């Protein structure tokens, strides 16, 4: 990751655009702001850029990015960083945006968890789902980081192991597919016989060597310092079976909240920020893009977030400079 020096010394920073959230939409927004000649900073509470993609599924094959039949999560993030770094954005990682006020000129002033004050002509919130916390596997809490994990940042950590994946969503099934060829065995356990995952992914798992146990729960996790086996309670016949496991991945979803941003006076509907067609919130000079936004007909795809980030940047640029065009033309028109 490339960073640039802060615009001023001490704890103050002055930029044209502050992007809150370093996920795919935020990184694309950083590129597009730079393309428009704007000084940009990106802040994120996570230590590394990439948002949920880096934290939850860096090895996952993402299939709905235009122009890429398949791209790994980490490769997508690396490409977005390289694209943005052409214009030298400032990254403030491991730092949370906490307070929002406005100065006499109408600029947004954001205070951070590290005592920094950032003055920005406009703020674009691209925080995905906000701050997310995995739902715990209660029976296995004593083995967290000793066989129990909630994400799979590194597939190689599960090579040659008996892996138990708990959950019925996309992450559970995606990890089952990716780990089948490298783990000794993969068992997927779900409390119901219906799944939230895409039907095509479910079909791939059922056609593989992965053992799928439905209407079942992990009732106990045991081991001597590290997980060695788990008990599976079957709801229908009330029996319990024990299977070997050196790795348990709890893909049970997560809870999310907007953190301090919830107190900024922004219109929020079910943890999502309400925006108009210009990606404006109800708070002046504050825009939003990506999964965190909501409006009629909203579709939560990374590809949609890219377009929303460009829309937010273009409209913010016109507010910062009334003589600027909302649409500056295509990038190809500026070559040479």
C-alpha atoms as a PDB file:
ATOM      1  CA  UNK A   1       0.000   0.000   0.000  1.00  0.00           C
ATOM      2  CA  UNK A   2       1.366   3.394  -0.965  1.00  0.00           C
ATOM      3  CA  UNK A   3       0.745   6.367   1.276  1.00  0.00           C
ATOM      4  CA  UNK A   4       1.571  10.020   0.882  1.00  0.00           C
ATOM      5  CA  UNK A   5       2.681  12.505   3.538  1.00  0.00           C
ATOM      6  CA  UNK A   6      -0.052  14.298   5.412  1.00  0.00           C
ATOM      7  CA  UNK A   7      -1.018  17.680   4.010  1.00  0.00           C
ATOM      8  CA  UNK A   8       0.004  19.426   7.219  1.00  0.00           C
ATOM      9  CA  UNK A   9       2.020  18.669  10.318  1.00  0.00           C
ATOM     10  CA  UNK A  10       0.678  17.566  13.677  1.00  0.00           C
ATOM     11  CA  UNK A  11      -2.846  16.272  13.942  1.00  0.00           C
ATOM     12  CA  UNK A  12      -4.512  18.354  11.248  1.00  0.00           C
ATOM     13  CA  UNK A  13      -5.213  17.326   7.668  1.00  0.00           C
ATOM     14  CA  UNK A  14      -6.803  19.348   4.900  1.00  0.00           C
ATOM     15  CA  UNK A  15      -8.175  17.568   1.801  1.00  0.00           C
ATOM     16  CA  UNK A  16     -10.800  18.058  -0.859  1.00  0.00           C
ATOM     17  CA  UNK A  17     -12.458  14.680  -0.328  1.00  0.00           C
ATOM     18  CA  UNK A  18     -12.408  12.451   2.740  1.00  0.00           C
ATOM     19  CA  UNK A  19     -13.533   8.896   2.043  1.00  0.00           C
ATOM     20  CA  UNK A  20     -14.657   6.908   5.073  1.00  0.00           C
ATOM     21  CA  UNK A  21     -14.170   3.220   4.319  1.00  0.00           C
ATOM     22  CA  UNK A  22     -11.342   1.540   2.395  1.00  0.00           C
ATOM     23  CA  UNK A  23     -13.380  -1.226   0.793  1.00  0.00           C
ATOM     24  CA  UNK A  24     -13.714  -1.603  -2.988  1.00  0.00           C
ATOM     25  CA  UNK A  25     -16.120   1.339  -3.381  1.00  0.00           C
ATOM     26  CA  UNK A  26     -13.902   3.570  -1.256  1.00  0.00           C
ATOM     27  CA  UNK A  27     -10.731   2.641  -3.127  1.00  0.00           C
ATOM     28  CA  UNK A  28     -12.405   3.254  -6.471  1.00  0.00           C
ATOM     29  CA  UNK A  29     -13.669   6.575  -5.117  1.00  0.00           C
ATOM     30  CA  UNK A  30     -10.081   7.475  -4.177  1.00  0.00           C
ATOM     31  CA  UNK A  31      -8.989   6.763  -7.742  1.00  0.00           C
ATOM     32  CA  UNK A  32     -11.821   8.759  -9.246  1.00  0.00           C
ATOM     33  CA  UNK A  33     -11.265  11.729  -6.935  1.00  0.00           C
ATOM     34  CA  UNK A  34      -7.612  11.734  -7.976  1.00  0.00           C
ATOM     35  CA  UNK A  35      -8.628  11.480 -11.617  1.00  0.00           C
ATOM     36  CA  UNK A  36     -10.629  14.656 -11.074  1.00  0.00           C
ATOM     37  CA  UNK A  37      -7.592  16.406  -9.619  1.00  0.00           C
ATOM     38  CA  UNK A  38      -8.855  16.371  -6.034  1.00  0.00           C
ATOM     39  CA  UNK A  39      -6.771  15.821  -2.914  1.00  0.00           C
ATOM     40  CA  UNK A  40      -8.153  12.761  -1.166  1.00  0.00           C
ATOM     41  CA  UNK A  41      -7.698  10.874   2.095  1.00  0.00           C
ATOM     42  CA  UNK A  42      -9.146   7.471   2.964  1.00  0.00           C
ATOM     43  CA  UNK A  43      -9.815   6.492   6.571  1.00  0.00           C
ATOM     44  CA  UNK A  44     -10.758   3.045   7.872  1.00  0.00           C
ATOM     45  CA  UNK A  45     -10.913   1.455  11.316  1.00  0.00           C
ATOM     46  CA  UNK A  46      -9.395  -1.743   9.888  1.00  0.00           C
ATOM     47  CA  UNK A  47      -5.619  -2.052   9.756  1.00  0.00           C
ATOM     48  CA  UNK A  48      -5.480  -2.983   6.061  1.00  0.00           C
ATOM     49  CA  UNK A  49      -7.376  -1.684   3.016  1.00  0.00           C
ATOM     50  CA  UNK A  50      -9.987  -3.779   1.265  1.00  0.00           C
ATOM     51  CA  UNK A  51     -12.827  -3.753   3.793  1.00  0.00           C
ATOM     52  CA  UNK A  52     -14.852  -6.943   4.020  1.00  0.00           C
ATOM     53  CA  UNK A  53     -13.063  -8.404   0.998  1.00  0.00           C
ATOM     54  CA  UNK A  54      -9.673  -8.343   2.755  1.00  0.00           C
ATOM     55  CA  UNK A  55     -11.016  -9.220   6.198  1.00  0.00           C
ATOM     56  CA  UNK A  56     -13.421 -11.992   5.235  1.00  0.00           C
ATOM     57  CA  UNK A  57     -12.704 -13.521   1.843  1.00  0.00           C
ATOM     58  CA  UNK A  58      -9.369 -12.485   0.308  1.00  0.00           C
ATOM     59  CA  UNK A  59      -9.023 -15.895  -1.358  1.00  0.00           C
ATOM     60  CA  UNK A  60     -12.602 -16.063  -2.605  1.00  0.00           C
ATOM     61  CA  UNK A  61     -13.196 -15.955  -6.340  1.00  0.00           C
ATOM     62  CA  UNK A  62     -15.422 -12.951  -7.065  1.00  0.00           C
ATOM     63  CA  UNK A  63     -17.491 -13.580 -10.177  1.00  0.00           C
ATOM     64  CA  UNK A  64     -19.497 -10.385 -10.706  1.00  0.00           C
ATOM     65  CA  UNK A  65     -16.787  -7.793 -11.473  1.00  0.00           C
ATOM     66  CA  UNK A  66     -17.218  -6.464 -15.018  1.00  0.00           C
ATOM     67  CA  UNK A  67     -14.469  -7.633 -17.355  1.00  0.00           C
ATOM     68  CA  UNK A  68     -13.205 -10.390 -15.029  1.00  0.00           C
ATOM     69  CA  UNK A  69     -14.758 -13.855 -15.321  1.00  0.00           C
ATOM     70  CA  UNK A  70     -13.182 -14.525 -11.930  1.00  0.00           C
ATOM     71  CA  UNK A  71     -10.880 -12.506  -9.674  1.00  0.00           C
ATOM     72  CA  UNK A  72      -9.570 -13.329  -6.205  1.00  0.00           C
ATOM     73  CA  UNK A  73     -10.562 -10.896  -3.491  1.00  0.00           C
ATOM     74  CA  UNK A  74      -6.968  -9.980  -2.663  1.00  0.00           C
ATOM     75  CA  UNK A  75      -6.138  -9.450  -6.346  1.00  0.00           C
ATOM     76  CA  UNK A  76      -9.110  -7.126  -6.735  1.00  0.00           C
ATOM     77  CA  UNK A  77      -7.967  -5.061  -3.761  1.00  0.00           C
ATOM     78  CA  UNK A  78      -4.376  -4.919  -5.034  1.00  0.00           C
ATOM     79  CA  UNK A  79      -5.611  -3.719  -8.427  1.00  0.00           C
ATOM     80  CA  UNK A  80      -7.813  -1.038  -6.868  1.00  0.00           C
ATOM     81  CA  UNK A  81      -4.893   0.176  -4.748  1.00  0.00           C
ATOM     82  CA  UNK A  82      -2.609   0.370  -7.765  1.00  0.00           C
ATOM     83  CA  UNK A  83      -5.266   2.291  -9.676  1.00  0.00           C
ATOM     84  CA  UNK A  84      -5.793   4.783  -6.846  1.00  0.00           C
ATOM     85  CA  UNK A  85      -2.087   5.168  -6.081  1.00  0.00           C
ATOM     86  CA  UNK A  86      -1.524   6.862  -9.427  1.00  0.00           C
ATOM     87  CA  UNK A  87      -2.828   9.971  -7.675  1.00  0.00           C
ATOM     88  CA  UNK A  88      -1.228   9.487  -4.258  1.00  0.00           C
ATOM     89  CA  UNK A  89      -4.139   9.383  -1.815  1.00  0.00           C
ATOM     90  CA  UNK A  90      -3.394   9.516   1.907  1.00  0.00           C
ATOM     91  CA  UNK A  91      -4.447   6.363   3.787  1.00  0.00           C
ATOM     92  CA  UNK A  92      -5.326   6.567   7.468  1.00  0.00           C
ATOM     93  CA  UNK A  93      -5.681   2.922   8.457  1.00  0.00           C
ATOM     94  CA  UNK A  94      -6.564   1.689  11.920  1.00  0.00           C
ATOM     95  CA  UNK A  95      -8.283   5.007  12.600  1.00  0.00           C
ATOM     96  CA  UNK A  96     -11.997   5.635  13.088  1.00  0.00           C
ATOM     97  CA  UNK A  97     -13.998   8.684  12.043  1.00  0.00           C
ATOM     98  CA  UNK A  98     -15.833   9.803  15.171  1.00  0.00           C
ATOM     99  CA  UNK A  99     -17.247  13.328  15.079  1.00  0.00           C
ATOM    100  CA  UNK A 100     -18.596  15.599  12.355  1.00  0.00           C
ATOM    101  CA  UNK A 101     -18.983  19.375  12.401  1.00  0.00           C
ATOM    102  CA  UNK A 102     -18.810  22.100   9.758  1.00  0.00           C
ATOM    103  CA  UNK A 103     -16.602  25.181   9.662  1.00  0.00           C
ATOM    104  CA  UNK A 104     -17.648  28.685   8.657  1.00  0.00           C
ATOM    105  CA  UNK A 105     -16.928  27.966   4.994  1.00  0.00           C
ATOM    106  CA  UNK A 106     -19.209  24.916   5.007  1.00  0.00           C
ATOM    107  CA  UNK A 107     -16.390  22.366   4.942  1.00  0.00           C
ATOM    108  CA  UNK A 108     -16.839  19.143   6.867  1.00  0.00           C
ATOM    109  CA  UNK A 109     -14.557  18.728   9.884  1.00  0.00           C
ATOM    110  CA  UNK A 110     -14.123  15.124  11.026  1.00  0.00           C
ATOM    111  CA  UNK A 111     -12.500  14.198  14.317  1.00  0.00           C
ATOM    112  CA  UNK A 112     -10.869  10.779  14.561  1.00  0.00           C
ATOM    113  CA  UNK A 113     -10.062   8.178  17.193  1.00  0.00           C
ATOM    114  CA  UNK A 114      -6.414   9.251  17.092  1.00  0.00           C
ATOM    115  CA  UNK A 115      -7.175  12.878  17.856  1.00  0.00           C
ATOM    116  CA  UNK A 116      -6.780  14.002  14.272  1.00  0.00           C
ATOM    117  CA  UNK A 117      -8.902  16.773  12.786  1.00  0.00           C
ATOM    118  CA  UNK A 118      -9.613  16.396   9.072  1.00  0.00           C
ATOM    119  CA  UNK A 119     -11.075  19.310   7.146  1.00  0.00           C
ATOM    120  CA  UNK A 120     -12.644  18.178   3.881  1.00  0.00           C
ATOM    121  CA  UNK A 121     -14.602  19.938   1.205  1.00  0.00           C
ATOM    122  CA  UNK A 122     -16.829  16.875   1.130  1.00  0.00           C
ATOM    123  CA  UNK A 123     -17.101  13.499   2.854  1.00  0.00           C
ATOM    124  CA  UNK A 124     -18.025  10.279   1.062  1.00  0.00           C
ATOM    125  CA  UNK A 125     -19.033   7.377   3.311  1.00  0.00           C
ATOM    126  CA  UNK A 126     -18.244   4.012   1.743  1.00  0.00           C
ATOM    127  CA  UNK A 127     -18.276   1.975   4.928  1.00  0.00           C
ATOM    128  CA  UNK A 128     -19.909  -1.161   3.526  1.00  0.00           C
ATOM    129  CA  UNK A 129     -22.045  -2.452   6.373  1.00  0.00           C
ATOM    130  CA  UNK A 130     -20.259  -0.365   8.972  1.00  0.00           C
ATOM    131  CA  UNK A 131     -18.257  -1.938  11.776  1.00  0.00           C
ATOM    132  CA  UNK A 132     -18.894  -5.689  11.688  1.00  0.00           C
ATOM    133  CA  UNK A 133     -18.527  -8.324  14.394  1.00  0.00           C
ATOM    134  CA  UNK A 134     -18.853 -12.050  13.680  1.00  0.00           C
ATOM    135  CA  UNK A 135     -21.617 -13.951  15.429  1.00  0.00           C
ATOM    136  CA  UNK A 136     -19.871 -16.328  17.830  1.00  0.00           C
ATOM    137  CA  UNK A 137     -19.966 -20.107  17.885  1.00  0.00           C
ATOM    138  CA  UNK A 138     -20.795 -20.346  21.582  1.00  0.00           C
ATOM    139  CA  UNK A 139     -19.676 -23.949  22.016  1.00  0.00           C
ATOM    140  CA  UNK A 140     -16.219 -23.245  20.670  1.00  0.00           C
ATOM    141  CA  UNK A 141     -15.276 -19.912  22.253  1.00  0.00           C
ATOM    142  CA  UNK A 142     -12.465 -21.469  24.289  1.00  0.00           C
ATOM    143  CA  UNK A 143     -10.742 -22.480  21.046  1.00  0.00           C
ATOM    144  CA  UNK A 144     -10.743 -19.112  19.290  1.00  0.00           C
ATOM    145  CA  UNK A 145      -7.480 -18.864  17.310  1.00  0.00           C
ATOM    146  CA  UNK A 146      -6.713 -22.440  18.396  1.00  0.00           C
ATOM    147  CA  UNK A 147      -8.656 -24.109  15.640  1.00  0.00           C
ATOM    148  CA  UNK A 148     -11.768 -21.926  15.685  1.00  0.00           C
ATOM    149  CA  UNK A 149     -11.935 -19.041  13.221  1.00  0.00           C
ATOM    150  CA  UNK A 150     -14.613 -16.856  11.697  1.00  0.00           C
ATOM    151  CA  UNK A 151     -12.913 -15.932   8.418  1.00  0.00           C
ATOM    152  CA  UNK A 152     -10.483 -17.587   6.009  1.00  0.00           C
ATOM    153  CA  UNK A 153      -7.820 -15.031   5.087  1.00  0.00           C
ATOM    154  CA  UNK A 154      -5.345 -17.807   4.219  1.00  0.00           C
ATOM    155  CA  UNK A 155      -6.530 -21.071   2.668  1.00  0.00           C
ATOM    156  CA  UNK A 156      -3.162 -22.741   3.308  1.00  0.00           C
ATOM    157  CA  UNK A 157      -3.805 -22.680   7.069  1.00  0.00           C
ATOM    158  CA  UNK A 158      -6.327 -25.498   6.533  1.00  0.00           C
ATOM    159  CA  UNK A 159      -4.241 -27.792   4.326  1.00  0.00           C
ATOM    160  CA  UNK A 160      -4.415 -31.451   5.387  1.00  0.00           C
ATOM    161  CA  UNK A 161      -6.929 -30.811   8.175  1.00  0.00           C
ATOM    162  CA  UNK A 162     -10.377 -32.095   8.930  1.00  0.00           C
ATOM    163  CA  UNK A 163     -12.413 -28.921   8.521  1.00  0.00           C
ATOM    164  CA  UNK A 164     -15.897 -28.299   9.872  1.00  0.00           C
ATOM    165  CA  UNK A 165     -17.709 -25.279   8.451  1.00  0.00           C
ATOM    166  CA  UNK A 166     -20.796 -24.055  10.305  1.00  0.00           C
ATOM    167  CA  UNK A 167     -23.333 -21.982   8.389  1.00  0.00           C
ATOM    168  CA  UNK A 168     -25.617 -21.890   5.375  1.00  0.00           C
ATOM    169  CA  UNK A 169     -24.694 -18.677   3.591  1.00  0.00           C
ATOM    170  CA  UNK A 170     -22.457 -17.801   0.669  1.00  0.00           C
ATOM    171  CA  UNK A 171     -19.278 -17.637   2.757  1.00  0.00           C
ATOM    172  CA  UNK A 172     -19.808 -21.116   4.215  1.00  0.00           C
ATOM    173  CA  UNK A 173     -20.377 -22.692   0.804  1.00  0.00           C
ATOM    174  CA  UNK A 174     -17.613 -20.724  -0.923  1.00  0.00           C
ATOM    175  CA  UNK A 175     -15.082 -21.815   1.679  1.00  0.00           C
ATOM    176  CA  UNK A 176     -16.276 -25.411   1.410  1.00  0.00           C
ATOM    177  CA  UNK A 177     -15.604 -25.354  -2.335  1.00  0.00           C
ATOM    178  CA  UNK A 178     -12.180 -23.735  -1.990  1.00  0.00           C
ATOM    179  CA  UNK A 179     -11.021 -26.032   0.809  1.00  0.00           C
ATOM    180  CA  UNK A 180     -12.275 -29.343  -0.607  1.00  0.00           C
ATOM    181  CA  UNK A 181      -9.138 -29.979  -2.655  1.00  0.00           C
ATOM    182  CA  UNK A 182      -6.644 -29.081   0.076  1.00  0.00           C
ATOM    183  CA  UNK A 183      -8.232 -30.235   3.332  1.00  0.00           C
ATOM    184  CA  UNK A 184      -8.268 -33.885   4.425  1.00  0.00           C
ATOM    185  CA  UNK A 185     -12.032 -33.637   4.783  1.00  0.00           C
ATOM    186  CA  UNK A 186     -14.662 -30.900   4.766  1.00  0.00           C
ATOM    187  CA  UNK A 187     -17.978 -31.122   6.605  1.00  0.00           C
ATOM    188  CA  UNK A 188     -20.585 -28.385   6.336  1.00  0.00           C
ATOM    189  CA  UNK A 189     -23.084 -28.181   9.207  1.00  0.00           C
ATOM    190  CA  UNK A 190     -26.267 -26.105   9.023  1.00  0.00           C
ATOM    191  CA  UNK A 191     -29.101 -25.826  11.506  1.00  0.00           C
ATOM    192  CA  UNK A 192     -31.775 -25.920   8.780  1.00  0.00           C
ATOM    193  CA  UNK A 193     -32.289 -27.684   5.442  1.00  0.00           C
ATOM    194  CA  UNK A 194     -32.632 -24.366   3.572  1.00  0.00           C
ATOM    195  CA  UNK A 195     -29.662 -22.229   2.603  1.00  0.00           C
ATOM    196  CA  UNK A 196     -29.026 -18.531   1.993  1.00  0.00           C
ATOM    197  CA  UNK A 197     -26.205 -19.298  -0.455  1.00  0.00           C
ATOM    198  CA  UNK A 198     -26.643 -19.072  -4.217  1.00  0.00           C
ATOM    199  CA  UNK A 199     -28.263 -22.179  -5.673  1.00  0.00           C
ATOM    200  CA  UNK A 200     -25.397 -22.774  -8.092  1.00  0.00           C
ATOM    201  CA  UNK A 201     -22.871 -22.776  -5.238  1.00  0.00           C
ATOM    202  CA  UNK A 202     -25.015 -25.127  -3.179  1.00  0.00           C
ATOM    203  CA  UNK A 203     -25.205 -27.491  -6.151  1.00  0.00           C
ATOM    204  CA  UNK A 204     -21.396 -27.470  -6.516  1.00  0.00           C
ATOM    205  CA  UNK A 205     -20.965 -28.426  -2.885  1.00  0.00           C
ATOM    206  CA  UNK A 206     -23.484 -31.262  -3.118  1.00  0.00           C
ATOM    207  CA  UNK A 207     -21.658 -32.539  -6.222  1.00  0.00           C
ATOM    208  CA  UNK A 208     -18.333 -32.510  -4.370  1.00  0.00           C
ATOM    209  CA  UNK A 209     -16.841 -34.664  -1.627  1.00  0.00           C
ATOM    210  CA  UNK A 210     -17.986 -32.229   1.056  1.00  0.00           C
ATOM    211  CA  UNK A 211     -20.247 -33.858   3.634  1.00  0.00           C
ATOM    212  CA  UNK A 212     -23.333 -31.680   4.199  1.00  0.00           C
ATOM    213  CA  UNK A 213     -25.210 -32.148   7.467  1.00  0.00           C
ATOM    214  CA  UNK A 214     -28.524 -30.288   7.710  1.00  0.00           C
ATOM    215  CA  UNK A 215     -30.899 -29.828  10.635  1.00  0.00           C
ATOM    216  CA  UNK A 216     -27.806 -30.128  12.790  1.00  0.00           C
ATOM    217  CA  UNK A 217     -25.733 -28.071  15.231  1.00  0.00           C
ATOM    218  CA  UNK A 218     -22.248 -28.224  16.698  1.00  0.00           C
ATOM    219  CA  UNK A 219     -23.089 -29.180  20.273  1.00  0.00           C
ATOM    220  CA  UNK A 220     -19.564 -29.497  21.664  1.00  0.00           C
ATOM    221  CA  UNK A 221     -15.967 -28.757  20.721  1.00  0.00           C
ATOM    222  CA  UNK A 222     -13.087 -30.576  22.385  1.00  0.00           C
ATOM    223  CA  UNK A 223      -9.333 -30.702  22.240  1.00  0.00           C
ATOM    224  CA  UNK A 224      -6.118 -30.466  24.238  1.00  0.00           C
ATOM    225  CA  UNK A 225      -4.946 -26.926  23.546  1.00  0.00           C
ATOM    226  CA  UNK A 226      -6.173 -27.209  19.951  1.00  0.00           C
ATOM    227  CA  UNK A 227      -9.438 -28.505  18.537  1.00  0.00           C
ATOM    228  CA  UNK A 228      -9.393 -32.242  17.841  1.00  0.00           C
ATOM    229  CA  UNK A 229     -13.061 -33.218  17.528  1.00  0.00           C
ATOM    230  CA  UNK A 230     -16.601 -31.862  17.542  1.00  0.00           C
ATOM    231  CA  UNK A 231     -19.996 -33.285  18.420  1.00  0.00           C
ATOM    232  CA  UNK A 232     -22.823 -32.826  15.919  1.00  0.00           C
ATOM    233  CA  UNK A 233     -26.360 -32.889  17.324  1.00  0.00           C
ATOM    234  CA  UNK A 234     -28.967 -34.016  14.794  1.00  0.00           C
ATOM    235  CA  UNK A 235     -32.317 -32.357  15.455  1.00  0.00           C
ATOM    236  CA  UNK A 236     -34.639 -34.800  13.744  1.00  0.00           C
ATOM    237  CA  UNK A 237     -33.565 -38.106  15.287  1.00  0.00           C
ATOM    238  CA  UNK A 238     -32.074 -36.550  18.448  1.00  0.00           C
ATOM    239  CA  UNK A 239     -28.757 -38.367  17.992  1.00  0.00           C
ATOM    240  CA  UNK A 240     -25.215 -37.044  18.362  1.00  0.00           C
ATOM    241  CA  UNK A 241     -22.191 -37.999  16.299  1.00  0.00           C
ATOM    242  CA  UNK A 242     -18.542 -37.182  16.907  1.00  0.00           C
ATOM    243  CA  UNK A 243     -16.239 -36.317  14.012  1.00  0.00           C
ATOM    244  CA  UNK A 244     -12.538 -35.364  13.921  1.00  0.00           C
ATOM    245  CA  UNK A 245     -11.795 -31.693  13.376  1.00  0.00           C
ATOM    246  CA  UNK A 246      -8.632 -29.639  13.654  1.00  0.00           C
ATOM    247  CA  UNK A 247     -10.288 -26.596  12.112  1.00  0.00           C
ATOM    248  CA  UNK A 248     -13.756 -25.167  12.723  1.00  0.00           C
ATOM    249  CA  UNK A 249     -14.884 -22.206  10.646  1.00  0.00           C
ATOM    250  CA  UNK A 250     -17.953 -20.471  12.043  1.00  0.00           C
ATOM    251  CA  UNK A 251     -19.598 -18.697   9.107  1.00  0.00           C
ATOM    252  CA  UNK A 252     -22.613 -17.580  11.096  1.00  0.00           C
ATOM    253  CA  UNK A 253     -22.852 -14.081   9.738  1.00  0.00           C
ATOM    254  CA  UNK A 254     -22.109 -10.952  11.696  1.00  0.00           C
ATOM    255  CA  UNK A 255     -23.677  -8.009  13.416  1.00  0.00           C
ATOM    256  CA  UNK A 256     -22.939  -4.533  12.127  1.00  0.00           C
ATOM    257  CA  UNK A 257     -23.429  -0.968  13.195  1.00  0.00           C
ATOM    258  CA  UNK A 258     -22.494   2.478  11.930  1.00  0.00           C
ATOM    259  CA  UNK A 259     -20.595   3.380  15.083  1.00  0.00           C
ATOM    260  CA  UNK A 260     -20.226   7.120  15.778  1.00  0.00           C
ATOM    261  CA  UNK A 261     -21.608   7.983  12.328  1.00  0.00           C
ATOM    262  CA  UNK A 262     -25.056   7.035  13.623  1.00  0.00           C
ATOM    263  CA  UNK A 263     -24.934  10.230  15.694  1.00  0.00           C
ATOM    264  CA  UNK A 264     -24.118  12.566  12.792  1.00  0.00           C
ATOM    265  CA  UNK A 265     -27.754  13.382  12.016  1.00  0.00           C
ATOM    266  CA  UNK A 266     -27.723  11.333   8.797  1.00  0.00           C
ATOM    267  CA  UNK A 267     -31.004   9.741   7.710  1.00  0.00           C
ATOM    268  CA  UNK A 268     -30.634   6.018   8.364  1.00  0.00           C
ATOM    269  CA  UNK A 269     -33.027   3.228   7.431  1.00  0.00           C
ATOM    270  CA  UNK A 270     -32.299  -0.192   8.938  1.00  0.00           C
ATOM    271  CA  UNK A 271     -28.564   0.498   9.304  1.00  0.00           C
ATOM    272  CA  UNK A 272     -28.291   1.901   5.786  1.00  0.00           C
ATOM    273  CA  UNK A 273     -27.707   5.522   4.803  1.00  0.00           C
ATOM    274  CA  UNK A 274     -30.449   7.086   2.704  1.00  0.00           C
ATOM    275  CA  UNK A 275     -29.168   8.950  -0.380  1.00  0.00           C
ATOM    276  CA  UNK A 276     -30.635  10.623  -3.448  1.00  0.00           C
ATOM    277  CA  UNK A 277     -29.619  10.100  -7.080  1.00  0.00           C
ATOM    278  CA  UNK A 278     -26.542  12.307  -6.547  1.00  0.00           C
ATOM    279  CA  UNK A 279     -25.487  10.062  -3.639  1.00  0.00           C
ATOM    280  CA  UNK A 280     -26.113  12.967  -1.264  1.00  0.00           C
ATOM    281  CA  UNK A 281     -27.243  12.361   2.295  1.00  0.00           C
ATOM    282  CA  UNK A 282     -29.443  14.852   4.129  1.00  0.00           C
ATOM    283  CA  UNK A 283     -26.317  16.330   5.777  1.00  0.00           C
ATOM    284  CA  UNK A 284     -24.577  18.980   3.696  1.00  0.00           C
ATOM    285  CA  UNK A 285     -21.404  17.949   1.926  1.00  0.00           C
ATOM    286  CA  UNK A 286     -21.797  14.356   3.091  1.00  0.00           C
ATOM    287  CA  UNK A 287     -22.284  11.684   0.422  1.00  0.00           C
ATOM    288  CA  UNK A 288     -22.372   7.894   0.563  1.00  0.00           C
ATOM    289  CA  UNK A 289     -21.749   5.024  -1.858  1.00  0.00           C
ATOM    290  CA  UNK A 290     -21.599   1.245  -1.859  1.00  0.00           C
ATOM    291  CA  UNK A 291     -23.362  -1.308   0.307  1.00  0.00           C
ATOM    292  CA  UNK A 292     -23.978   1.192   3.089  1.00  0.00           C
ATOM    293  CA  UNK A 293     -26.449   3.186   0.972  1.00  0.00           C
ATOM    294  CA  UNK A 294     -30.143   2.714   0.450  1.00  0.00           C
ATOM    295  CA  UNK A 295     -32.642   4.021  -2.110  1.00  0.00           C
ATOM    296  CA  UNK A 296     -35.531   2.511  -4.079  1.00  0.00           C
ATOM    297  CA  UNK A 297     -34.277  -0.313  -6.298  1.00  0.00           C
ATOM    298  CA  UNK A 298     -30.874  -0.548  -4.590  1.00  0.00           C
ATOM    299  CA  UNK A 299     -28.779  -3.582  -5.609  1.00  0.00           C
ATOM    300  CA  UNK A 300     -25.845  -4.409  -3.342  1.00  0.00           C
ATOM    301  CA  UNK A 301     -23.049  -5.453  -5.677  1.00  0.00           C
ATOM    302  CA  UNK A 302     -19.428  -4.319  -5.770  1.00  0.00           C
ATOM    303  CA  UNK A 303     -19.998  -3.239  -9.371  1.00  0.00           C
ATOM    304  CA  UNK A 304     -22.867  -0.974  -8.303  1.00  0.00           C
ATOM    305  CA  UNK A 305     -20.671   0.531  -5.582  1.00  0.00           C
ATOM    306  CA  UNK A 306     -18.074   1.528  -8.166  1.00  0.00           C
ATOM    307  CA  UNK A 307     -20.659   3.517 -10.106  1.00  0.00           C
ATOM    308  CA  UNK A 308     -22.056   5.120  -6.969  1.00  0.00           C
ATOM    309  CA  UNK A 309     -18.568   6.188  -5.858  1.00  0.00           C
ATOM    310  CA  UNK A 310     -17.966   7.900  -9.214  1.00  0.00           C
ATOM    311  CA  UNK A 311     -21.382   9.579  -8.979  1.00  0.00           C
ATOM    312  CA  UNK A 312     -20.626  10.850  -5.474  1.00  0.00           C
ATOM    313  CA  UNK A 313     -17.198  12.181  -6.456  1.00  0.00           C
ATOM    314  CA  UNK A 314     -18.507  13.930  -9.566  1.00  0.00           C
ATOM    315  CA  UNK A 315     -21.339  15.635  -7.715  1.00  0.00           C
ATOM    316  CA  UNK A 316     -19.088  16.593  -4.810  1.00  0.00           C
ATOM    317  CA  UNK A 317     -16.567  18.065  -7.270  1.00  0.00           C
ATOM    318  CA  UNK A 318     -19.264  20.319  -8.712  1.00  0.00           C
ATOM    319  CA  UNK A 319     -20.184  21.546  -5.218  1.00  0.00           C
ATOM    320  CA  UNK A 320     -16.546  22.287  -4.376  1.00  0.00           C
ATOM    321  CA  UNK A 321     -16.073  24.169  -7.647  1.00  0.00           C
ATOM    322  CA  UNK A 322     -19.343  25.492  -9.142  1.00  0.00           C
ATOM    323  CA  UNK A 323     -17.555  26.016 -12.466  1.00  0.00           C
ATOM    324  CA  UNK A 324     -16.585  22.353 -12.681  1.00  0.00           C
ATOM    325  CA  UNK A 325     -18.556  19.956 -14.835  1.00  0.00           C
ATOM    326  CA  UNK A 326     -20.400  17.205 -12.986  1.00  0.00           C
ATOM    327  CA  UNK A 327     -19.197  14.794 -15.672  1.00  0.00           C
ATOM    328  CA  UNK A 328     -15.623  15.592 -16.741  1.00  0.00           C
ATOM    329  CA  UNK A 329     -15.600  13.264 -19.742  1.00  0.00           C
ATOM    330  CA  UNK A 330     -14.161   9.807 -20.175  1.00  0.00           C
ATOM    331  CA  UNK A 331     -10.658   8.976 -19.011  1.00  0.00           C
ATOM    332  CA  UNK A 332      -9.732   7.955 -22.560  1.00  0.00           C
ATOM    333  CA  UNK A 333     -10.388  11.498 -23.731  1.00  0.00           C
ATOM    334  CA  UNK A 334      -7.610  12.765 -21.464  1.00  0.00           C
ATOM    335  CA  UNK A 335      -4.840  10.530 -22.766  1.00  0.00           C
ATOM    336  CA  UNK A 336      -1.953  12.083 -24.612  1.00  0.00           C
END
